[in-house]
Amino acid sequence: MVKNILKGIQAYAGTFKLINKLGLWKYFGIPMAISFLTAVLIGFSTWGLSDNLGSFISKIWFWEWGAETFRTISEFIGALIIIALGIILYRHIVMALSAPFMSPVSEKIEKHLFGENHSHRNTSNAEQLWRGIRINVRNLLMELLLTLPIILIGFIPVVGIISSVLLFLVQSYYAGFGNMDYTLERHYKYAESIEFVKRNRGLAIGNGMIFMLMLLIPVIGIILVLPLSVTAASTETLRVLENKKALQKKI
């Protein structure tokens, strides 16, 4: 799986060049606006909610001694939980709403890499949007089921370091999953796509790692994260699909 993670990361090399060569920037205008506005909305929401959650958690401590220390810890815990949930919601909202704009990008990359003689499912914008919503709601629920226990485990001494790594890997996997599905929706049905990503989880994690790291770059990262990550995911996913087709022909 480590080899596939590295492939997912290396796929980002040359993404700017490919986007410029194929004239793909025009497709990213609305998704970049969605990404920026969603980030601003969730950012302001998390700013206010973190204090409220911290105050709620601090009420668990009934004693006078250590109350101030526990309140400080509670505010930190509240902020961490809200930030983690905010990032998760941001990703899935943006990916779901961007589906109709990202599928044409993936298709143009496919034509560029493998020519006009490529077969795939024909889907409408409405179908692509519904597919994006369905996939991202499913992934959101799965990610929350994994994330909440990991956050709680993180407050156990020593184990907390491991939980941070696990949290990053889980978020990276589902970020990469969403980016890969813009290509998979033309080739596979819903359940088949889920199985494909499970078999190629290293690619999803590698792609998602850069996605998550880009979110740490103020403004620029939020604006460019979709164009670069979707282009990288498309090129690598298409190569896997093409290799699979070649093997089937030999058999």
C-alpha atoms as a PDB file:
ATOM      1  CA  MET A   1       0.000   0.000   0.000  1.00  0.00           C
ATOM      2  CA  VAL A   2       2.953   2.340   0.641  1.00  0.00           C
ATOM      3  CA  LYS A   3       3.853   2.134  -3.060  1.00  0.00           C
ATOM      4  CA  ASN A   4       0.346   3.238  -4.039  1.00  0.00           C
ATOM      5  CA  ILE A   5       0.411   6.071  -1.489  1.00  0.00           C
ATOM      6  CA  LEU A   6       3.566   7.370  -3.140  1.00  0.00           C
ATOM      7  CA  LYS A   7       1.918   7.078  -6.569  1.00  0.00           C
ATOM      8  CA  GLY A   8      -1.022   9.097  -5.301  1.00  0.00           C
ATOM      9  CA  ILE A   9       1.353  11.799  -4.089  1.00  0.00           C
ATOM     10  CA  GLN A  10       3.539  11.781  -7.206  1.00  0.00           C
ATOM     11  CA  ALA A  11       0.453  12.211  -9.411  1.00  0.00           C
ATOM     12  CA  TYR A  12       0.399  15.882  -8.366  1.00  0.00           C
ATOM     13  CA  ALA A  13       3.593  16.508 -10.328  1.00  0.00           C
ATOM     14  CA  GLY A  14       2.727  18.242 -13.581  1.00  0.00           C
ATOM     15  CA  THR A  15      -0.898  18.996 -12.657  1.00  0.00           C
ATOM     16  CA  PHE A  16      -0.502  22.731 -13.348  1.00  0.00           C
ATOM     17  CA  LYS A  17       1.016  21.959 -16.743  1.00  0.00           C
ATOM     18  CA  LEU A  18      -1.789  19.534 -17.656  1.00  0.00           C
ATOM     19  CA  ILE A  19      -4.531  21.950 -16.546  1.00  0.00           C
ATOM     20  CA  ASN A  20      -3.021  24.729 -18.669  1.00  0.00           C
ATOM     21  CA  LYS A  21      -2.454  22.453 -21.673  1.00  0.00           C
ATOM     22  CA  LEU A  22      -6.065  21.202 -21.721  1.00  0.00           C
ATOM     23  CA  GLY A  23      -7.581  24.573 -20.794  1.00  0.00           C
ATOM     24  CA  LEU A  24      -9.297  23.167 -17.720  1.00  0.00           C
ATOM     25  CA  TRP A  25      -9.296  26.297 -15.548  1.00  0.00           C
ATOM     26  CA  LYS A  26     -12.699  27.373 -16.915  1.00  0.00           C
ATOM     27  CA  TYR A  27     -14.264  24.271 -15.375  1.00  0.00           C
ATOM     28  CA  PHE A  28     -12.870  25.084 -11.942  1.00  0.00           C
ATOM     29  CA  GLY A  29     -14.316  28.589 -11.584  1.00  0.00           C
ATOM     30  CA  ILE A  30     -17.586  27.651  -9.869  1.00  0.00           C
ATOM     31  CA  PRO A  31     -16.049  24.823  -7.745  1.00  0.00           C
ATOM     32  CA  MET A  32     -13.328  27.207  -6.517  1.00  0.00           C
ATOM     33  CA  ALA A  33     -16.014  29.736  -5.553  1.00  0.00           C
ATOM     34  CA  ILE A  34     -17.979  26.977  -3.781  1.00  0.00           C
ATOM     35  CA  SER A  35     -14.814  25.903  -1.981  1.00  0.00           C
ATOM     36  CA  PHE A  36     -13.968  29.421  -0.800  1.00  0.00           C
ATOM     37  CA  LEU A  37     -17.496  30.358   0.329  1.00  0.00           C
ATOM     38  CA  THR A  38     -17.989  27.026   2.114  1.00  0.00           C
ATOM     39  CA  ALA A  39     -14.661  27.438   3.916  1.00  0.00           C
ATOM     40  CA  VAL A  40     -15.598  30.966   5.058  1.00  0.00           C
ATOM     41  CA  LEU A  41     -19.047  29.856   6.255  1.00  0.00           C
ATOM     42  CA  ILE A  42     -17.742  26.834   8.158  1.00  0.00           C
ATOM     43  CA  GLY A  43     -14.785  28.847   9.478  1.00  0.00           C
ATOM     44  CA  PHE A  44     -17.018  31.441  11.133  1.00  0.00           C
ATOM     45  CA  SER A  45     -19.353  28.728  12.424  1.00  0.00           C
ATOM     46  CA  THR A  46     -16.542  26.755  14.048  1.00  0.00           C
ATOM     47  CA  TRP A  47     -15.144  29.930  15.632  1.00  0.00           C
ATOM     48  CA  GLY A  48     -18.348  30.460  17.588  1.00  0.00           C
ATOM     49  CA  LEU A  49     -19.277  26.847  18.262  1.00  0.00           C
ATOM     50  CA  SER A  50     -15.893  25.838  19.705  1.00  0.00           C
ATOM     51  CA  ASP A  51     -16.387  28.084  22.758  1.00  0.00           C
ATOM     52  CA  ASN A  52     -19.922  26.783  23.277  1.00  0.00           C
ATOM     53  CA  LEU A  53     -18.816  23.162  23.098  1.00  0.00           C
ATOM     54  CA  GLY A  54     -15.884  23.877  25.420  1.00  0.00           C
ATOM     55  CA  SER A  55     -18.234  25.418  27.996  1.00  0.00           C
ATOM     56  CA  PHE A  56     -20.556  22.429  27.736  1.00  0.00           C
ATOM     57  CA  ILE A  57     -17.693  19.960  28.290  1.00  0.00           C
ATOM     58  CA  SER A  58     -16.358  21.965  31.260  1.00  0.00           C
ATOM     59  CA  LYS A  59     -19.664  21.420  33.129  1.00  0.00           C
ATOM     60  CA  ILE A  60     -18.711  17.770  33.580  1.00  0.00           C
ATOM     61  CA  TRP A  61     -16.219  18.883  36.272  1.00  0.00           C
ATOM     62  CA  PHE A  62     -18.192  19.494  39.470  1.00  0.00           C
ATOM     63  CA  TRP A  63     -15.311  20.284  41.861  1.00  0.00           C
ATOM     64  CA  GLU A  64     -13.835  23.678  42.655  1.00  0.00           C
ATOM     65  CA  TRP A  65     -10.216  22.550  42.655  1.00  0.00           C
ATOM     66  CA  GLY A  66      -8.761  22.278  39.183  1.00  0.00           C
ATOM     67  CA  ALA A  67     -11.871  23.857  37.650  1.00  0.00           C
ATOM     68  CA  GLU A  68      -9.908  26.552  35.795  1.00  0.00           C
ATOM     69  CA  THR A  69      -7.439  24.020  34.388  1.00  0.00           C
ATOM     70  CA  PHE A  70     -10.247  21.728  33.255  1.00  0.00           C
ATOM     71  CA  ARG A  71     -12.038  24.676  31.650  1.00  0.00           C
ATOM     72  CA  THR A  72      -8.928  25.475  29.620  1.00  0.00           C
ATOM     73  CA  ILE A  73      -8.580  21.823  28.588  1.00  0.00           C
ATOM     74  CA  SER A  74     -12.302  21.729  27.710  1.00  0.00           C
ATOM     75  CA  GLU A  75     -11.949  24.753  25.434  1.00  0.00           C
ATOM     76  CA  PHE A  76      -9.038  23.056  23.666  1.00  0.00           C
ATOM     77  CA  ILE A  77     -10.994  19.796  23.277  1.00  0.00           C
ATOM     78  CA  GLY A  78     -14.037  21.688  22.008  1.00  0.00           C
ATOM     79  CA  ALA A  79     -11.957  23.578  19.452  1.00  0.00           C
ATOM     80  CA  LEU A  80     -10.273  20.371  18.261  1.00  0.00           C
ATOM     81  CA  ILE A  81     -13.569  18.530  17.810  1.00  0.00           C
ATOM     82  CA  ILE A  82     -15.234  21.438  16.001  1.00  0.00           C
ATOM     83  CA  ILE A  83     -12.231  22.011  13.702  1.00  0.00           C
ATOM     84  CA  ALA A  84     -12.054  18.297  12.811  1.00  0.00           C
ATOM     85  CA  LEU A  85     -15.793  18.159  12.117  1.00  0.00           C
ATOM     86  CA  GLY A  86     -15.623  21.453  10.214  1.00  0.00           C
ATOM     87  CA  ILE A  87     -12.920  20.153   7.875  1.00  0.00           C
ATOM     88  CA  ILE A  88     -14.887  16.950   7.297  1.00  0.00           C
ATOM     89  CA  LEU A  89     -18.106  18.833   6.494  1.00  0.00           C
ATOM     90  CA  TYR A  90     -16.240  21.300   4.266  1.00  0.00           C
ATOM     91  CA  ARG A  91     -14.740  18.516   2.156  1.00  0.00           C
ATOM     92  CA  HIS A  92     -17.927  16.559   1.638  1.00  0.00           C
ATOM     93  CA  ILE A  93     -20.095  19.614   0.910  1.00  0.00           C
ATOM     94  CA  VAL A  94     -17.630  20.954  -1.662  1.00  0.00           C
ATOM     95  CA  MET A  95     -17.059  17.571  -3.301  1.00  0.00           C
ATOM     96  CA  ALA A  96     -20.773  16.801  -3.566  1.00  0.00           C
ATOM     97  CA  LEU A  97     -21.712  20.176  -5.066  1.00  0.00           C
ATOM     98  CA  SER A  98     -18.724  20.180  -7.441  1.00  0.00           C
ATOM     99  CA  ALA A  99     -19.493  16.797  -9.018  1.00  0.00           C
ATOM    100  CA  PRO A 100     -21.203  18.141 -12.203  1.00  0.00           C
ATOM    101  CA  PHE A 101     -18.201  20.410 -12.861  1.00  0.00           C
ATOM    102  CA  MET A 102     -15.471  17.869 -12.097  1.00  0.00           C
ATOM    103  CA  SER A 103     -16.732  15.011 -14.273  1.00  0.00           C
ATOM    104  CA  PRO A 104     -16.062  16.923 -17.550  1.00  0.00           C
ATOM    105  CA  VAL A 105     -12.540  17.648 -16.286  1.00  0.00           C
ATOM    106  CA  SER A 106     -11.889  13.957 -15.727  1.00  0.00           C
ATOM    107  CA  GLU A 107     -13.352  13.092 -19.128  1.00  0.00           C
ATOM    108  CA  LYS A 108     -11.111  15.577 -20.943  1.00  0.00           C
ATOM    109  CA  ILE A 109      -8.079  14.159 -19.153  1.00  0.00           C
ATOM    110  CA  GLU A 110      -9.159  10.667 -20.220  1.00  0.00           C
ATOM    111  CA  LYS A 111      -9.440  11.704 -23.865  1.00  0.00           C
ATOM    112  CA  HIS A 112      -6.027  13.361 -23.676  1.00  0.00           C
ATOM    113  CA  LEU A 113      -4.320  10.324 -22.136  1.00  0.00           C
ATOM    114  CA  PHE A 114      -6.040   7.502 -24.016  1.00  0.00           C
ATOM    115  CA  GLY A 115      -7.622   9.039 -27.109  1.00  0.00           C
ATOM    116  CA  GLU A 116     -11.224   9.180 -28.292  1.00  0.00           C
ATOM    117  CA  ASN A 117     -11.766   5.419 -28.220  1.00  0.00           C
ATOM    118  CA  HIS A 118     -12.738   5.168 -24.595  1.00  0.00           C
ATOM    119  CA  SER A 119     -16.031   3.737 -23.399  1.00  0.00           C
ATOM    120  CA  HIS A 120     -17.880   4.899 -20.318  1.00  0.00           C
ATOM    121  CA  ARG A 121     -21.340   5.409 -18.863  1.00  0.00           C
ATOM    122  CA  ASN A 122     -23.185   8.508 -20.064  1.00  0.00           C
ATOM    123  CA  THR A 123     -24.613  10.448 -17.133  1.00  0.00           C
ATOM    124  CA  SER A 124     -26.419  13.786 -16.892  1.00  0.00           C
ATOM    125  CA  ASN A 125     -25.459  16.696 -14.640  1.00  0.00           C
ATOM    126  CA  ALA A 126     -28.365  15.839 -12.332  1.00  0.00           C
ATOM    127  CA  GLU A 127     -27.194  12.226 -12.089  1.00  0.00           C
ATOM    128  CA  GLN A 128     -23.634  13.348 -11.379  1.00  0.00           C
ATOM    129  CA  LEU A 129     -24.855  15.697  -8.642  1.00  0.00           C
ATOM    130  CA  TRP A 130     -26.997  12.958  -7.066  1.00  0.00           C
ATOM    131  CA  ARG A 131     -24.099  10.504  -7.289  1.00  0.00           C
ATOM    132  CA  GLY A 132     -21.812  13.081  -5.626  1.00  0.00           C
ATOM    133  CA  ILE A 133     -24.310  13.703  -2.828  1.00  0.00           C
ATOM    134  CA  ARG A 134     -24.888   9.987  -2.296  1.00  0.00           C
ATOM    135  CA  ILE A 135     -21.186   9.109  -2.184  1.00  0.00           C
ATOM    136  CA  ASN A 136     -20.304  12.015   0.096  1.00  0.00           C
ATOM    137  CA  VAL A 137     -23.166  11.429   2.547  1.00  0.00           C
ATOM    138  CA  ARG A 138     -22.075   7.788   2.772  1.00  0.00           C
ATOM    139  CA  ASN A 139     -18.429   8.802   3.262  1.00  0.00           C
ATOM    140  CA  LEU A 140     -19.373  11.510   5.769  1.00  0.00           C
ATOM    141  CA  LEU A 141     -21.167   9.005   8.000  1.00  0.00           C
ATOM    142  CA  MET A 142     -18.340   6.469   7.728  1.00  0.00           C
ATOM    143  CA  GLU A 143     -15.725   9.116   8.466  1.00  0.00           C
ATOM    144  CA  LEU A 144     -17.597  10.411  11.515  1.00  0.00           C
ATOM    145  CA  LEU A 145     -17.910   6.873  12.896  1.00  0.00           C
ATOM    146  CA  LEU A 146     -14.119   6.559  12.702  1.00  0.00           C
ATOM    147  CA  THR A 147     -13.160  10.129  13.619  1.00  0.00           C
ATOM    148  CA  LEU A 148     -15.045  10.599  16.892  1.00  0.00           C
ATOM    149  CA  PRO A 149     -13.489   7.553  18.648  1.00  0.00           C
ATOM    150  CA  ILE A 150     -10.043   8.540  17.330  1.00  0.00           C
ATOM    151  CA  ILE A 151     -10.422  12.052  18.799  1.00  0.00           C
ATOM    152  CA  LEU A 152     -11.452  10.620  22.183  1.00  0.00           C
ATOM    153  CA  ILE A 153      -8.545   8.144  22.153  1.00  0.00           C
ATOM    154  CA  GLY A 154      -6.258  11.095  21.449  1.00  0.00           C
ATOM    155  CA  PHE A 155      -6.582  12.334  25.006  1.00  0.00           C
ATOM    156  CA  ILE A 156      -4.987   9.185  26.394  1.00  0.00           C
ATOM    157  CA  PRO A 157      -1.289   9.903  27.164  1.00  0.00           C
ATOM    158  CA  VAL A 158       1.201   8.526  24.596  1.00  0.00           C
ATOM    159  CA  VAL A 159      -1.597   6.988  22.489  1.00  0.00           C
ATOM    160  CA  GLY A 160      -2.609  10.527  21.555  1.00  0.00           C
ATOM    161  CA  ILE A 161       0.293  10.811  19.108  1.00  0.00           C
ATOM    162  CA  ILE A 162      -0.886   7.716  17.247  1.00  0.00           C
ATOM    163  CA  SER A 163      -4.449   9.045  17.123  1.00  0.00           C
ATOM    164  CA  SER A 164      -3.261  12.208  15.344  1.00  0.00           C
ATOM    165  CA  VAL A 165      -1.676  10.091  12.618  1.00  0.00           C
ATOM    166  CA  LEU A 166      -4.784   7.919  12.339  1.00  0.00           C
ATOM    167  CA  LEU A 167      -7.019  10.975  12.099  1.00  0.00           C
ATOM    168  CA  PHE A 168      -4.890  12.389   9.278  1.00  0.00           C
ATOM    169  CA  LEU A 169      -4.932   9.057   7.397  1.00  0.00           C
ATOM    170  CA  VAL A 170      -8.705   8.646   7.743  1.00  0.00           C
ATOM    171  CA  GLN A 171      -9.378  12.172   6.494  1.00  0.00           C
ATOM    172  CA  SER A 172      -6.860  11.696   3.667  1.00  0.00           C
ATOM    173  CA  TYR A 173      -8.530   8.441   2.576  1.00  0.00           C
ATOM    174  CA  TYR A 174     -11.994   9.956   2.281  1.00  0.00           C
ATOM    175  CA  ALA A 175     -10.665  13.093   0.581  1.00  0.00           C
ATOM    176  CA  GLY A 176      -8.934  10.929  -2.023  1.00  0.00           C
ATOM    177  CA  PHE A 177     -12.044   8.755  -2.313  1.00  0.00           C
ATOM    178  CA  GLY A 178     -14.132  11.765  -3.336  1.00  0.00           C
ATOM    179  CA  ASN A 179     -11.554  12.931  -5.877  1.00  0.00           C
ATOM    180  CA  MET A 180     -11.310   9.488  -7.465  1.00  0.00           C
ATOM    181  CA  ASP A 181     -15.074   9.111  -7.791  1.00  0.00           C
ATOM    182  CA  TYR A 182     -15.291  11.941 -10.318  1.00  0.00           C
ATOM    183  CA  THR A 183     -13.649   9.489 -12.714  1.00  0.00           C
ATOM    184  CA  LEU A 184     -15.200   6.300 -11.376  1.00  0.00           C
ATOM    185  CA  GLU A 185     -18.777   7.550 -11.803  1.00  0.00           C
ATOM    186  CA  ARG A 186     -18.395   7.210 -15.592  1.00  0.00           C
ATOM    187  CA  HIS A 187     -17.065   3.658 -15.376  1.00  0.00           C
ATOM    188  CA  TYR A 188     -18.653   2.040 -12.347  1.00  0.00           C
ATOM    189  CA  LYS A 189     -21.930   2.009 -10.509  1.00  0.00           C
ATOM    190  CA  TYR A 190     -22.130   3.152  -6.877  1.00  0.00           C
ATOM    191  CA  ALA A 191     -21.251  -0.147  -5.161  1.00  0.00           C
ATOM    192  CA  GLU A 192     -18.559  -1.011  -7.715  1.00  0.00           C
ATOM    193  CA  SER A 193     -16.825   2.322  -7.131  1.00  0.00           C
ATOM    194  CA  ILE A 194     -16.688   1.725  -3.390  1.00  0.00           C
ATOM    195  CA  GLU A 195     -15.035  -1.655  -3.977  1.00  0.00           C
ATOM    196  CA  PHE A 196     -12.565  -0.120  -6.452  1.00  0.00           C
ATOM    197  CA  VAL A 197     -11.417   2.507  -3.936  1.00  0.00           C
ATOM    198  CA  LYS A 198     -11.112  -0.133  -1.200  1.00  0.00           C
ATOM    199  CA  ARG A 199      -8.808  -2.155  -3.473  1.00  0.00           C
ATOM    200  CA  ASN A 200      -6.792   0.983  -4.265  1.00  0.00           C
ATOM    201  CA  ARG A 201      -6.939   2.706  -0.874  1.00  0.00           C
ATOM    202  CA  GLY A 202      -3.246   3.627  -1.096  1.00  0.00           C
ATOM    203  CA  LEU A 203      -3.937   5.886  -4.094  1.00  0.00           C
ATOM    204  CA  ALA A 204      -6.822   7.503  -2.222  1.00  0.00           C
ATOM    205  CA  ILE A 205      -4.683   8.135   0.866  1.00  0.00           C
ATOM    206  CA  GLY A 206      -1.780   9.557  -1.155  1.00  0.00           C
ATOM    207  CA  ASN A 207      -4.048  11.899  -3.087  1.00  0.00           C
ATOM    208  CA  GLY A 208      -5.874  12.920   0.087  1.00  0.00           C
ATOM    209  CA  MET A 209      -2.664  13.640   1.993  1.00  0.00           C
ATOM    210  CA  ILE A 210      -1.748  16.478  -0.355  1.00  0.00           C
ATOM    211  CA  PHE A 211      -5.375  17.618  -0.336  1.00  0.00           C
ATOM    212  CA  MET A 212      -5.347  17.893   3.464  1.00  0.00           C
ATOM    213  CA  LEU A 213      -1.960  19.627   3.552  1.00  0.00           C
ATOM    214  CA  MET A 214      -3.105  22.188   0.979  1.00  0.00           C
ATOM    215  CA  LEU A 215      -5.969  23.193   3.273  1.00  0.00           C
ATOM    216  CA  LEU A 216      -3.324  24.465   5.695  1.00  0.00           C
ATOM    217  CA  ILE A 217      -2.307  27.140   3.168  1.00  0.00           C
ATOM    218  CA  PRO A 218      -4.497  30.211   3.835  1.00  0.00           C
ATOM    219  CA  VAL A 219      -6.857  31.203   0.975  1.00  0.00           C
ATOM    220  CA  ILE A 220      -4.629  29.955  -1.886  1.00  0.00           C
ATOM    221  CA  GLY A 221      -4.769  26.371  -0.673  1.00  0.00           C
ATOM    222  CA  ILE A 222      -8.550  26.432  -0.376  1.00  0.00           C
ATOM    223  CA  ILE A 223      -8.920  27.857  -3.887  1.00  0.00           C
ATOM    224  CA  LEU A 224      -6.444  25.549  -5.647  1.00  0.00           C
ATOM    225  CA  VAL A 225      -7.051  22.335  -3.703  1.00  0.00           C
ATOM    226  CA  LEU A 226      -9.816  21.025  -5.988  1.00  0.00           C
ATOM    227  CA  PRO A 227      -8.172  21.734  -9.373  1.00  0.00           C
ATOM    228  CA  LEU A 228      -4.890  20.096  -8.379  1.00  0.00           C
ATOM    229  CA  SER A 229      -6.287  17.173  -6.377  1.00  0.00           C
ATOM    230  CA  VAL A 230      -8.976  16.258  -8.924  1.00  0.00           C
ATOM    231  CA  THR A 231      -6.483  16.404 -11.809  1.00  0.00           C
ATOM    232  CA  ALA A 232      -4.001  14.238  -9.891  1.00  0.00           C
ATOM    233  CA  ALA A 233      -6.696  11.743  -8.860  1.00  0.00           C
ATOM    234  CA  SER A 234      -8.066  11.539 -12.400  1.00  0.00           C
ATOM    235  CA  THR A 235      -4.717  10.775 -14.050  1.00  0.00           C
ATOM    236  CA  GLU A 236      -3.827   8.030 -11.568  1.00  0.00           C
ATOM    237  CA  THR A 237      -7.309   6.479 -11.439  1.00  0.00           C
ATOM    238  CA  LEU A 238      -7.463   6.388 -15.236  1.00  0.00           C
ATOM    239  CA  ARG A 239      -4.107   4.614 -15.409  1.00  0.00           C
ATOM    240  CA  VAL A 240      -5.345   1.939 -13.002  1.00  0.00           C
ATOM    241  CA  LEU A 241      -8.521   1.491 -15.065  1.00  0.00           C
ATOM    242  CA  GLU A 242      -6.519   1.279 -18.293  1.00  0.00           C
ATOM    243  CA  ASN A 243      -4.132  -1.309 -16.808  1.00  0.00           C
ATOM    244  CA  LYS A 244      -7.120  -3.362 -15.681  1.00  0.00           C
ATOM    245  CA  LYS A 245      -8.585  -3.258 -19.209  1.00  0.00           C
ATOM    246  CA  ALA A 246      -5.226  -4.342 -20.690  1.00  0.00           C
ATOM    247  CA  LEU A 247      -5.031  -7.332 -18.312  1.00  0.00           C
ATOM    248  CA  GLN A 248      -8.599  -8.375 -19.166  1.00  0.00           C
ATOM    249  CA  LYS A 249      -7.777  -8.316 -22.885  1.00  0.00           C
ATOM    250  CA  LYS A 250      -4.785 -10.598 -22.333  1.00  0.00           C
ATOM    251  CA  ILE A 251      -6.959 -13.077 -20.429  1.00  0.00           C
END
